[in-house]
Amino acid sequence: MKENDIDFKIVSLPRERGFDSELLDYVGSLHANVIAAACSNDLKLVTNNHMQKNIENTYRIPFLTLNAEKLA
């Protein structure tokens, strides 16, 4: 992202509530333009429910997903 002059931040969420809620509230507070995530079926960390909740977020921020397995 640096090579393409894209403004970004890497942050740690407080883990006081669910990941989805904390992530969406954080990006909503920033008035973010887009949320991006890379997923891998091998990890099983990101479920279809997780992805759907983020795609349909209440802040109406576009959610870009990438298949990490096909990027390698």
N, C-alpha and C. Protein backbone atom coordinates (compact mmCIF):
# COMPACT_ATOMS: atom_id res chain seq x y z
N MET A 1 0.82 -1.19 0.00
CA MET A 1 0.00 0.00 0.00
C MET A 1 0.87 1.25 0.00
N LYS A 2 2.00 1.19 0.66
CA LYS A 2 2.90 2.34 0.66
C LYS A 2 3.35 2.67 -0.76
N GLU A 3 3.67 1.62 -1.52
CA GLU A 3 4.14 1.82 -2.89
C GLU A 3 3.11 2.54 -3.75
N ASN A 4 1.83 2.38 -3.42
CA ASN A 4 0.76 3.00 -4.19
C ASN A 4 0.18 4.23 -3.50
N ASP A 5 0.87 4.73 -2.47
CA ASP A 5 0.47 5.93 -1.75
C ASP A 5 -0.96 5.84 -1.20
N ILE A 6 -1.29 4.68 -0.63
CA ILE A 6 -2.60 4.47 -0.03
C ILE A 6 -2.49 4.68 1.47
N ASP A 7 -3.32 5.56 2.02
CA ASP A 7 -3.33 5.84 3.44
C ASP A 7 -3.94 4.64 4.17
N PHE A 8 -3.23 4.10 5.16
CA PHE A 8 -3.74 2.96 5.91
C PHE A 8 -3.19 2.98 7.32
N LYS A 9 -3.85 2.22 8.21
CA LYS A 9 -3.40 2.06 9.58
C LYS A 9 -3.52 0.60 9.98
N ILE A 10 -2.60 0.16 10.80
CA ILE A 10 -2.70 -1.16 11.42
C ILE A 10 -2.95 -0.90 12.89
N VAL A 11 -4.06 -1.41 13.41
CA VAL A 11 -4.44 -1.15 14.80
C VAL A 11 -4.79 -2.46 15.50
N SER A 12 -4.74 -2.42 16.81
CA SER A 12 -5.21 -3.53 17.63
C SER A 12 -6.53 -3.12 18.27
N LEU A 13 -7.52 -3.94 18.10
CA LEU A 13 -8.82 -3.65 18.70
C LEU A 13 -8.81 -4.11 20.15
N PRO A 14 -9.62 -3.49 21.03
CA PRO A 14 -9.54 -3.80 22.46
C PRO A 14 -10.02 -5.19 22.86
N ARG A 15 -10.76 -5.87 22.00
CA ARG A 15 -11.28 -7.23 22.28
C ARG A 15 -12.23 -7.26 23.47
N GLU A 16 -12.95 -6.18 23.68
CA GLU A 16 -13.93 -6.13 24.76
C GLU A 16 -15.29 -6.65 24.30
N ARG A 17 -15.53 -6.55 23.01
CA ARG A 17 -16.77 -7.03 22.40
C ARG A 17 -16.38 -7.94 21.23
N GLY A 18 -17.31 -8.30 20.44
CA GLY A 18 -17.01 -9.15 19.29
C GLY A 18 -16.19 -8.41 18.24
N PHE A 19 -15.37 -9.17 17.52
CA PHE A 19 -14.49 -8.60 16.51
C PHE A 19 -15.26 -7.78 15.48
N ASP A 20 -16.36 -8.32 14.96
CA ASP A 20 -17.12 -7.62 13.93
C ASP A 20 -17.59 -6.25 14.41
N SER A 21 -18.17 -6.22 15.61
CA SER A 21 -18.70 -4.95 16.15
C SER A 21 -17.59 -3.94 16.36
N GLU A 22 -16.48 -4.38 16.93
CA GLU A 22 -15.36 -3.46 17.18
C GLU A 22 -14.76 -2.95 15.88
N LEU A 23 -14.59 -3.83 14.91
CA LEU A 23 -14.04 -3.42 13.62
C LEU A 23 -14.95 -2.40 12.94
N LEU A 24 -16.23 -2.69 12.87
CA LEU A 24 -17.15 -1.78 12.18
C LEU A 24 -17.29 -0.45 12.91
N ASP A 25 -17.33 -0.46 14.22
CA ASP A 25 -17.40 0.80 14.97
C ASP A 25 -16.12 1.62 14.75
N TYR A 26 -14.97 0.95 14.70
CA TYR A 26 -13.71 1.66 14.49
C TYR A 26 -13.68 2.32 13.11
N VAL A 27 -13.96 1.55 12.07
CA VAL A 27 -13.90 2.12 10.72
C VAL A 27 -15.00 3.15 10.51
N GLY A 28 -16.13 2.96 11.18
CA GLY A 28 -17.20 3.95 11.10
C GLY A 28 -16.78 5.27 11.73
N SER A 29 -16.04 5.21 12.84
CA SER A 29 -15.58 6.43 13.51
C SER A 29 -14.57 7.20 12.67
N LEU A 30 -13.89 6.48 11.77
CA LEU A 30 -12.91 7.11 10.88
C LEU A 30 -13.54 7.64 9.60
N HIS A 31 -14.80 7.28 9.38
CA HIS A 31 -15.47 7.59 8.11
C HIS A 31 -14.67 7.00 6.95
N ALA A 32 -14.27 5.74 7.13
CA ALA A 32 -13.45 5.04 6.14
C ALA A 32 -14.17 4.95 4.80
N ASN A 33 -13.38 4.89 3.74
CA ASN A 33 -13.92 4.77 2.38
C ASN A 33 -14.16 3.32 1.98
N VAL A 34 -13.37 2.41 2.55
CA VAL A 34 -13.48 1.00 2.21
C VAL A 34 -12.85 0.15 3.31
N ILE A 35 -13.36 -1.06 3.47
CA ILE A 35 -12.77 -2.05 4.36
C ILE A 35 -12.27 -3.17 3.45
N ALA A 36 -11.05 -3.64 3.65
CA ALA A 36 -10.51 -4.71 2.84
C ALA A 36 -10.05 -5.86 3.73
N ALA A 37 -10.30 -7.09 3.28
CA ALA A 37 -9.89 -8.26 4.03
C ALA A 37 -9.48 -9.36 3.08
N ALA A 38 -8.42 -10.06 3.44
CA ALA A 38 -8.00 -11.24 2.68
C ALA A 38 -8.39 -12.46 3.49
N CYS A 39 -8.96 -13.44 2.84
CA CYS A 39 -9.47 -14.63 3.52
C CYS A 39 -8.84 -15.89 2.95
N SER A 40 -8.76 -16.89 3.79
CA SER A 40 -8.25 -18.19 3.37
C SER A 40 -9.18 -19.27 3.92
N ASN A 41 -9.59 -20.17 3.09
CA ASN A 41 -10.46 -21.26 3.54
C ASN A 41 -9.75 -22.19 4.51
N ASP A 42 -8.43 -22.27 4.43
CA ASP A 42 -7.67 -23.16 5.31
C ASP A 42 -7.76 -22.75 6.77
N LEU A 43 -7.81 -21.47 7.03
CA LEU A 43 -7.77 -20.99 8.41
C LEU A 43 -9.09 -21.14 9.15
N LYS A 44 -10.19 -21.09 8.46
CA LYS A 44 -11.53 -21.19 9.05
C LYS A 44 -11.77 -20.12 10.11
N LEU A 45 -11.00 -19.02 10.06
CA LEU A 45 -11.19 -17.94 11.02
C LEU A 45 -12.30 -16.99 10.58
N VAL A 46 -12.51 -16.93 9.29
CA VAL A 46 -13.52 -16.03 8.76
C VAL A 46 -14.65 -16.88 8.19
N THR A 47 -15.78 -16.83 8.83
CA THR A 47 -16.92 -17.62 8.39
C THR A 47 -17.80 -16.82 7.44
N ASN A 48 -18.73 -17.49 6.78
CA ASN A 48 -19.67 -16.80 5.91
C ASN A 48 -20.50 -15.78 6.69
N ASN A 49 -20.88 -16.12 7.93
CA ASN A 49 -21.64 -15.17 8.77
C ASN A 49 -20.83 -13.92 9.05
N HIS A 50 -19.55 -14.12 9.34
CA HIS A 50 -18.64 -12.99 9.60
C HIS A 50 -18.58 -12.09 8.37
N MET A 51 -18.36 -12.67 7.22
CA MET A 51 -18.25 -11.89 5.99
C MET A 51 -19.55 -11.17 5.69
N GLN A 52 -20.68 -11.85 5.84
CA GLN A 52 -21.97 -11.25 5.54
C GLN A 52 -22.24 -10.05 6.44
N LYS A 53 -21.92 -10.18 7.72
CA LYS A 53 -22.13 -9.08 8.67
C LYS A 53 -21.31 -7.86 8.27
N ASN A 54 -20.08 -8.08 7.83
CA ASN A 54 -19.22 -6.97 7.42
C ASN A 54 -19.67 -6.37 6.09
N ILE A 55 -20.09 -7.20 5.17
CA ILE A 55 -20.56 -6.70 3.88
C ILE A 55 -21.80 -5.84 4.05
N GLU A 56 -22.69 -6.25 4.94
CA GLU A 56 -23.94 -5.52 5.18
C GLU A 56 -23.82 -4.56 6.35
N ASN A 57 -22.67 -3.96 6.56
CA ASN A 57 -22.44 -3.12 7.73
C ASN A 57 -23.35 -1.90 7.75
N THR A 58 -23.70 -1.47 8.97
CA THR A 58 -24.63 -0.35 9.16
C THR A 58 -24.06 0.98 8.71
N TYR A 59 -22.74 1.06 8.57
CA TYR A 59 -22.11 2.30 8.13
C TYR A 59 -22.10 2.43 6.60
N ARG A 60 -22.51 1.36 5.93
CA ARG A 60 -22.58 1.32 4.46
C ARG A 60 -21.22 1.59 3.80
N ILE A 61 -20.17 1.10 4.45
CA ILE A 61 -18.81 1.22 3.92
C ILE A 61 -18.57 0.00 3.02
N PRO A 62 -18.15 0.20 1.80
CA PRO A 62 -17.88 -0.95 0.92
C PRO A 62 -16.85 -1.88 1.56
N PHE A 63 -17.09 -3.18 1.40
CA PHE A 63 -16.24 -4.21 2.00
C PHE A 63 -15.66 -5.06 0.88
N LEU A 64 -14.35 -4.97 0.68
CA LEU A 64 -13.66 -5.70 -0.36
C LEU A 64 -13.05 -6.97 0.23
N THR A 65 -13.35 -8.10 -0.37
CA THR A 65 -12.75 -9.36 0.07
C THR A 65 -11.88 -9.94 -1.03
N LEU A 66 -10.78 -10.52 -0.62
CA LEU A 66 -9.83 -11.14 -1.54
C LEU A 66 -9.60 -12.57 -1.13
N ASN A 67 -9.52 -13.46 -2.09
CA ASN A 67 -9.20 -14.84 -1.82
C ASN A 67 -7.68 -14.95 -1.72
N ALA A 68 -7.17 -15.03 -0.50
CA ALA A 68 -5.71 -15.02 -0.27
C ALA A 68 -5.04 -16.21 -0.92
N GLU A 69 -5.74 -17.32 -1.06
CA GLU A 69 -5.15 -18.51 -1.66
C GLU A 69 -4.79 -18.27 -3.12
N LYS A 70 -5.55 -17.44 -3.80
CA LYS A 70 -5.29 -17.18 -5.22
C LYS A 70 -4.29 -16.06 -5.43
N LEU A 71 -3.90 -15.36 -4.37
CA LEU A 71 -2.94 -14.28 -4.49
C LEU A 71 -1.50 -14.79 -4.46
N ALA A 72 -1.30 -15.96 -3.91
CA ALA A 72 0.05 -16.51 -3.76
C ALA A 72 0.63 -16.97 -5.08
